[in-house]
Amino acid sequence: QVQLVESGGGSVQAGRSLRLSCTASGYTQSLGCMAWFRQAPGKERERVAAIDSDDSISYADSVKGRFTVSKDNAKNTLYLQMDSLKPEDTAMYYCAAELVCGDSPEWFEYWGQGSQVTVSS
């Protein structure tokens, strides 16, 4: 089985940066897609960024130019570098993994526990 453990959340002022990490353990060999989702109170969970086994990356329009997703395969760790944070980035952030990438959260089988990111103005 696969477990995903997140770290790196916190509270920052607008314009500052945070980096989230997500470390996978267990049987990780088949995780062809890893992604970050976020969910604000009262909002649907949305995909923020995804990276596949070929290092093909996609971002939500709302974070393009500000967020950078990367992975360290040797460490089985996914990262989300968040720069120029805005109050509207405030949400619970989740890492997710699946064999192949999909758009909806229902597509992903494995999930981290969530990490709160709060951005104050």
Protein backbone atom coordinates (compact mmCIF):
# COMPACT_ATOMS: atom_id res chain seq x y z
CA GLN A 1 0.00 0.00 0.00
CA VAL A 2 0.96 3.65 -0.28
CA GLN A 3 1.03 6.32 2.38
CA LEU A 4 1.51 10.04 1.79
CA VAL A 5 2.66 12.33 4.57
CA GLU A 6 2.65 16.09 4.13
CA SER A 7 4.59 18.82 5.86
CA GLY A 8 5.45 22.47 5.44
CA GLY A 9 2.18 24.29 5.88
CA GLY A 10 1.82 27.39 7.96
CA SER A 11 0.67 30.97 8.17
CA VAL A 12 2.39 33.72 6.19
CA GLN A 13 1.81 37.24 5.00
CA ALA A 14 0.79 37.92 1.43
CA GLY A 15 3.76 38.06 -0.91
CA ARG A 16 5.80 35.56 1.07
CA SER A 17 6.60 31.95 0.28
CA LEU A 18 6.01 28.47 1.61
CA ARG A 19 7.13 25.06 0.47
CA LEU A 20 5.03 22.00 1.00
CA SER A 21 6.47 18.51 0.98
CA CYS A 22 4.77 15.17 0.50
CA THR A 23 6.68 11.99 1.13
CA ALA A 24 5.39 8.68 -0.19
CA SER A 25 6.11 5.36 1.44
CA GLY A 26 5.10 1.80 0.78
CA TYR A 27 4.73 0.57 -2.77
CA THR A 28 5.50 3.73 -4.73
CA GLN A 29 6.73 2.21 -7.98
CA SER A 30 3.38 2.52 -9.73
CA LEU A 31 2.72 6.15 -8.81
CA GLY A 32 2.89 7.65 -12.27
CA CYS A 33 1.16 10.85 -11.21
CA MET A 34 1.48 13.01 -8.16
CA ALA A 35 -0.57 16.11 -7.64
CA TRP A 36 -1.48 18.88 -5.25
CA PHE A 37 -5.07 19.78 -4.50
CA ARG A 38 -6.47 22.47 -2.27
CA GLN A 39 -9.80 23.05 -0.65
CA ALA A 40 -10.99 26.23 0.97
CA PRO A 41 -13.98 26.22 3.34
CA GLY A 42 -17.20 25.91 1.39
CA LYS A 43 -15.36 25.33 -1.87
CA GLU A 44 -14.80 22.30 -4.04
CA ARG A 45 -11.46 20.59 -3.95
CA GLU A 46 -9.43 21.76 -6.94
CA ARG A 47 -6.27 20.50 -8.53
CA VAL A 48 -3.45 22.98 -8.13
CA ALA A 49 -0.63 21.19 -9.90
CA ALA A 50 0.32 17.77 -11.16
CA ILE A 51 3.46 16.07 -12.36
CA ASP A 52 3.65 12.72 -14.10
CA SER A 53 6.36 10.12 -14.52
CA ASP A 54 7.73 11.99 -17.55
CA ASP A 55 7.94 15.18 -15.49
CA SER A 56 5.14 16.71 -17.51
CA ILE A 57 3.62 19.44 -15.35
CA SER A 58 0.31 21.21 -15.29
CA TYR A 59 -0.94 24.06 -13.12
CA ALA A 60 -4.25 25.62 -12.36
CA ASP A 61 -4.55 29.04 -13.96
CA SER A 62 -4.84 30.65 -10.55
CA VAL A 63 -1.32 29.61 -9.54
CA LYS A 64 0.60 29.75 -12.81
CA GLY A 65 3.75 31.80 -12.47
CA ARG A 66 3.66 31.63 -8.69
CA PHE A 67 3.70 27.94 -7.75
CA THR A 68 6.22 25.33 -8.79
CA VAL A 69 5.71 21.61 -8.42
CA SER A 70 8.66 19.26 -8.41
CA LYS A 71 9.61 15.83 -7.20
CA ASP A 72 12.63 13.98 -5.95
CA ASN A 73 12.22 10.41 -7.11
CA ALA A 74 15.09 9.14 -4.98
CA LYS A 75 13.38 10.47 -1.87
CA ASN A 76 9.84 9.68 -3.06
CA THR A 77 8.99 13.25 -2.22
CA LEU A 78 6.75 15.75 -3.97
CA TYR A 79 7.16 19.48 -3.41
CA LEU A 80 5.07 22.54 -3.98
CA GLN A 81 6.99 25.79 -3.88
CA MET A 82 4.50 28.59 -3.36
CA ASP A 83 5.75 32.09 -4.05
CA SER A 84 3.95 35.42 -4.09
CA LEU A 85 1.22 33.98 -1.94
CA LYS A 86 -2.15 35.67 -1.93
CA PRO A 87 -4.95 35.54 0.63
CA GLU A 88 -7.03 33.59 -1.87
CA ASP A 89 -4.44 30.81 -1.68
CA THR A 90 -5.62 30.10 1.85
CA ALA A 91 -6.81 26.51 1.92
CA MET A 92 -6.09 23.03 3.10
CA TYR A 93 -3.56 21.56 0.71
CA TYR A 94 -3.47 17.85 -0.06
CA CYS A 95 -1.03 15.79 -2.02
CA ALA A 96 -2.42 12.93 -4.04
CA ALA A 97 -1.07 10.08 -6.13
CA GLU A 98 -2.37 7.75 -8.79
CA LEU A 99 -1.09 5.56 -11.60
CA VAL A 100 -1.94 8.20 -14.20
CA CYS A 101 -3.04 11.79 -13.92
CA GLY A 102 -6.63 12.92 -13.83
CA ASP A 103 -8.36 16.22 -13.20
CA SER A 104 -10.79 15.39 -10.46
CA PRO A 105 -10.02 14.40 -6.88
CA GLU A 106 -12.20 11.31 -7.33
CA TRP A 107 -9.62 10.00 -9.74
CA PHE A 108 -6.85 9.77 -7.16
CA GLU A 109 -6.54 6.81 -4.87
CA TYR A 110 -3.89 7.94 -2.41
CA TRP A 111 -4.01 11.10 -0.32
CA GLY A 112 -1.96 12.93 2.23
CA GLN A 113 -3.47 14.09 5.48
CA GLY A 114 -3.69 17.72 4.44
CA SER A 115 -1.65 20.75 5.36
CA GLN A 116 -3.18 24.12 6.21
CA VAL A 117 -1.88 27.16 4.38
CA THR A 118 -3.09 30.53 5.61
CA VAL A 119 -2.13 33.75 3.87
CA SER A 120 -2.93 37.04 5.55
CA SER A 121 -3.18 40.39 3.80
